[in-house]
Amino acid sequence: MDKAVATQLANIEKRSGKTLAELGEILRASGLARHGELRDYLKRELGMGHGDANTTVHHVLGSDGAAESAGKDGDAVLDAIYTGPRAALRPIHDTLMAAIGQFGEFDIAPKKGYLSLRRKKQFAMLGPATNTRFELGLNMKGVPGTDRLLEQAPGGMCNYKVRLTDAAEVDAEVLAWARQAYDSAG
């Protein structure tokens, strides 16, 4: 298990006062089956933040996305993400990754439908949000939101999102935000 996920799961147990097994029992007893419903249930009933609830559901369901990418090389993972109508979004991904790759070293954690980029902590998430829109999620603090840099509610997986529909939108402004997130992750 990834060290960061193990730490987060331990912190979830401390904050909730329940073991992972107990949280699993609560989820199974809820009668809900879909990931989003279970996540929202934990947020509503136990007051969990989005990230903790999401991680708990992934753990209980065994659906963290890493299992699907296990044993696949990077191109195979990306081919699975950018298939069908989402294939048109791959140039946005490639442009962003080429630019972010110039910042320095970081880890890439493939998930089912996106990539998580991490240094000491996650600084970005990127992937298709819909068949026609790509999203770059960024974690950083103290940056005022704009029409492009959309502030997200506290407790989510990212503090900000940038919606992109074309690789030409990956401009100096977007890369400056990505760099700030990278630098703040440590």
Protein backbone atom coordinates (compact mmCIF):
# COMPACT_ATOMS: atom_id res chain seq x y z
CA MET A 1 0.00 0.00 0.00
CA ASP A 2 1.27 3.46 -0.87
CA LYS A 3 2.72 5.14 2.24
CA ALA A 4 0.66 8.31 1.74
CA VAL A 5 -2.58 6.30 1.46
CA ALA A 6 -1.66 4.25 4.54
CA THR A 7 -1.07 7.47 6.49
CA GLN A 8 -4.36 8.92 5.28
CA LEU A 9 -6.23 5.75 6.27
CA ALA A 10 -4.66 5.84 9.75
CA ASN A 11 -5.67 9.49 10.07
CA ILE A 12 -9.22 8.65 8.96
CA GLU A 13 -9.45 6.09 11.76
CA LYS A 14 -8.23 8.67 14.30
CA ARG A 15 -10.53 11.45 13.10
CA SER A 16 -13.62 9.24 12.79
CA GLY A 17 -12.98 7.19 15.93
CA LYS A 18 -13.78 4.08 13.92
CA THR A 19 -11.63 1.32 12.45
CA LEU A 20 -11.60 0.73 8.72
CA ALA A 21 -13.52 -2.50 9.34
CA GLU A 22 -16.20 -0.56 11.22
CA LEU A 23 -16.39 2.03 8.43
CA GLY A 24 -16.79 -0.82 5.94
CA GLU A 25 -19.67 -2.25 8.00
CA ILE A 26 -21.33 1.18 8.09
CA LEU A 27 -21.05 1.48 4.32
CA ARG A 28 -22.41 -2.02 3.69
CA ALA A 29 -25.32 -1.39 6.09
CA SER A 30 -26.22 1.84 4.27
CA GLY A 31 -27.81 -0.12 1.42
CA LEU A 32 -25.98 2.08 -1.09
CA ALA A 33 -23.77 0.65 -3.82
CA ARG A 34 -22.40 3.42 -6.02
CA HIS A 35 -19.12 5.10 -5.12
CA GLY A 36 -20.49 8.66 -5.20
CA GLU A 37 -23.50 7.73 -3.05
CA LEU A 38 -21.27 6.03 -0.47
CA ARG A 39 -18.83 8.96 -0.42
CA ASP A 40 -21.66 11.46 0.05
CA TYR A 41 -23.17 9.24 2.77
CA LEU A 42 -19.91 9.38 4.77
CA LYS A 43 -19.71 13.14 4.31
CA ARG A 44 -23.31 13.62 5.41
CA GLU A 45 -23.59 11.03 8.20
CA LEU A 46 -20.07 11.10 9.66
CA GLY A 47 -19.05 14.64 8.72
CA MET A 48 -16.02 13.44 6.73
CA GLY A 49 -14.28 15.71 4.27
CA HIS A 50 -14.46 14.81 0.60
CA GLY A 51 -10.92 13.41 0.44
CA ASP A 52 -11.31 11.19 3.51
CA ALA A 53 -14.71 9.93 2.40
CA ASN A 54 -13.44 9.23 -1.11
CA THR A 55 -10.39 7.34 0.14
CA THR A 56 -12.48 5.34 2.60
CA VAL A 57 -14.90 4.23 -0.12
CA HIS A 58 -12.03 3.33 -2.45
CA HIS A 59 -10.45 1.28 0.34
CA VAL A 60 -13.67 -0.52 1.24
CA LEU A 61 -14.60 -1.22 -2.39
CA GLY A 62 -11.03 -1.95 -3.46
CA SER A 63 -11.50 0.51 -6.31
CA ASP A 64 -8.63 2.97 -6.01
CA GLY A 65 -7.85 2.84 -9.72
CA ALA A 66 -4.30 1.73 -9.06
CA ALA A 67 -5.39 -1.91 -9.35
CA GLU A 68 -6.63 -1.29 -12.88
CA SER A 69 -3.32 0.24 -13.88
CA ALA A 70 -1.16 -2.38 -12.16
CA GLY A 71 1.11 -4.17 -14.59
CA LYS A 72 0.43 -1.71 -17.40
CA ASP A 73 3.08 0.62 -18.73
CA GLY A 74 2.40 4.36 -18.78
CA ASP A 75 1.22 4.40 -22.39
CA ALA A 76 -1.28 1.59 -21.75
CA VAL A 77 -2.72 3.45 -18.76
CA LEU A 78 -3.07 6.64 -20.80
CA ASP A 79 -4.55 4.73 -23.73
CA ALA A 80 -7.24 3.40 -21.38
CA ILE A 81 -8.00 6.89 -20.04
CA TYR A 82 -8.01 8.57 -23.45
CA THR A 83 -10.10 6.14 -25.42
CA GLY A 84 -13.12 6.73 -27.65
CA PRO A 85 -14.40 10.31 -27.64
CA ARG A 86 -11.88 11.26 -24.93
CA ALA A 87 -8.99 10.56 -27.30
CA ALA A 88 -9.33 14.16 -28.56
CA LEU A 89 -8.28 15.36 -25.06
CA ARG A 90 -4.94 13.52 -25.10
CA PRO A 91 -3.04 16.49 -26.66
CA ILE A 92 -4.02 18.63 -23.65
CA HIS A 93 -2.64 15.94 -21.34
CA ASP A 94 0.58 15.59 -23.34
CA THR A 95 1.14 19.37 -23.47
CA LEU A 96 0.62 19.73 -19.72
CA MET A 97 2.80 16.76 -18.80
CA ALA A 98 5.64 17.96 -21.05
CA ALA A 99 5.60 21.36 -19.35
CA ILE A 100 5.17 20.03 -15.78
CA GLY A 101 7.96 17.53 -16.42
CA GLN A 102 10.34 20.48 -16.76
CA PHE A 103 9.64 21.59 -13.16
CA GLY A 104 11.64 18.73 -11.61
CA GLU A 105 11.00 15.32 -10.09
CA PHE A 106 7.60 14.08 -8.98
CA ASP A 107 5.68 10.82 -8.75
CA ILE A 108 2.80 9.87 -11.00
CA ALA A 109 0.01 7.80 -9.48
CA PRO A 110 -2.35 6.54 -12.19
CA LYS A 111 -5.98 6.23 -11.21
CA LYS A 112 -8.93 4.86 -13.15
CA GLY A 113 -9.69 8.04 -15.08
CA TYR A 114 -6.90 10.49 -14.26
CA LEU A 115 -3.34 10.91 -13.02
CA SER A 116 -2.35 12.18 -9.60
CA LEU A 117 0.96 14.07 -9.47
CA ARG A 118 2.79 14.07 -6.14
CA ARG A 119 5.90 15.37 -4.48
CA LYS A 120 5.70 15.20 -0.68
CA LYS A 121 1.97 15.64 -1.22
CA GLN A 122 -0.35 15.73 -4.20
CA PHE A 123 -0.02 18.93 -6.19
CA ALA A 124 -2.13 18.16 -9.27
CA MET A 125 -4.72 15.85 -10.76
CA LEU A 126 -5.27 15.80 -14.47
CA GLY A 127 -7.54 14.01 -16.85
CA PRO A 128 -10.79 14.15 -18.76
CA ALA A 129 -13.79 15.41 -16.81
CA THR A 130 -16.19 14.72 -19.67
CA ASN A 131 -15.83 13.57 -23.26
CA THR A 132 -15.19 17.16 -24.33
CA ARG A 133 -13.54 18.80 -21.29
CA PHE A 134 -10.23 18.22 -19.53
CA GLU A 135 -9.63 19.30 -15.93
CA LEU A 136 -6.43 20.22 -14.17
CA GLY A 137 -6.91 20.13 -10.40
CA LEU A 138 -4.32 22.06 -8.39
CA ASN A 139 -3.44 22.16 -4.69
CA MET A 140 -2.00 25.47 -3.50
CA LYS A 141 -2.97 28.19 -1.07
CA GLY A 142 -3.40 31.93 -1.12
CA VAL A 143 -4.19 32.33 -4.80
CA PRO A 144 -7.29 34.32 -5.69
CA GLY A 145 -9.66 32.48 -7.99
CA THR A 146 -10.38 33.80 -11.47
CA ASP A 147 -12.69 32.98 -14.36
CA ARG A 148 -10.20 30.24 -15.30
CA LEU A 149 -8.83 29.24 -11.89
CA LEU A 150 -11.97 27.98 -10.18
CA GLU A 151 -11.81 27.77 -6.38
CA GLN A 152 -13.24 24.54 -4.99
CA ALA A 153 -15.08 23.95 -1.73
CA PRO A 154 -12.85 23.05 1.23
CA GLY A 155 -12.33 19.33 1.84
CA GLY A 156 -12.14 18.35 -1.82
CA MET A 157 -9.29 16.61 -3.58
CA CYS A 158 -7.99 19.91 -5.02
CA ASN A 159 -8.24 23.57 -4.02
CA TYR A 160 -8.64 24.76 -7.61
CA LYS A 161 -9.67 23.47 -11.02
CA VAL A 162 -8.83 24.70 -14.48
CA ARG A 163 -11.12 23.53 -17.28
CA LEU A 164 -9.51 23.09 -20.69
CA THR A 165 -10.90 22.10 -24.06
CA ASP A 166 -7.85 22.61 -26.29
CA ALA A 167 -4.07 22.22 -25.90
CA ALA A 168 -3.66 25.88 -26.95
CA GLU A 169 -5.27 26.84 -23.61
CA VAL A 170 -2.21 25.46 -21.78
CA ASP A 171 -0.60 28.90 -21.65
CA ALA A 172 1.79 30.79 -19.38
CA GLU A 173 -0.97 31.54 -16.87
CA VAL A 174 -1.97 27.86 -16.47
CA LEU A 175 1.66 26.78 -16.24
CA ALA A 176 2.39 29.44 -13.60
CA TRP A 177 -0.43 28.02 -11.47
CA ALA A 178 0.86 24.48 -12.02
CA ARG A 179 4.36 25.62 -11.03
CA GLN A 180 3.07 27.26 -7.86
CA ALA A 181 1.24 24.05 -6.91
CA TYR A 182 4.36 22.02 -7.67
CA ASP A 183 6.55 24.32 -5.54
CA SER A 184 4.14 24.27 -2.63
CA ALA A 185 4.06 20.44 -2.54
CA GLY A 186 7.59 20.29 -1.57
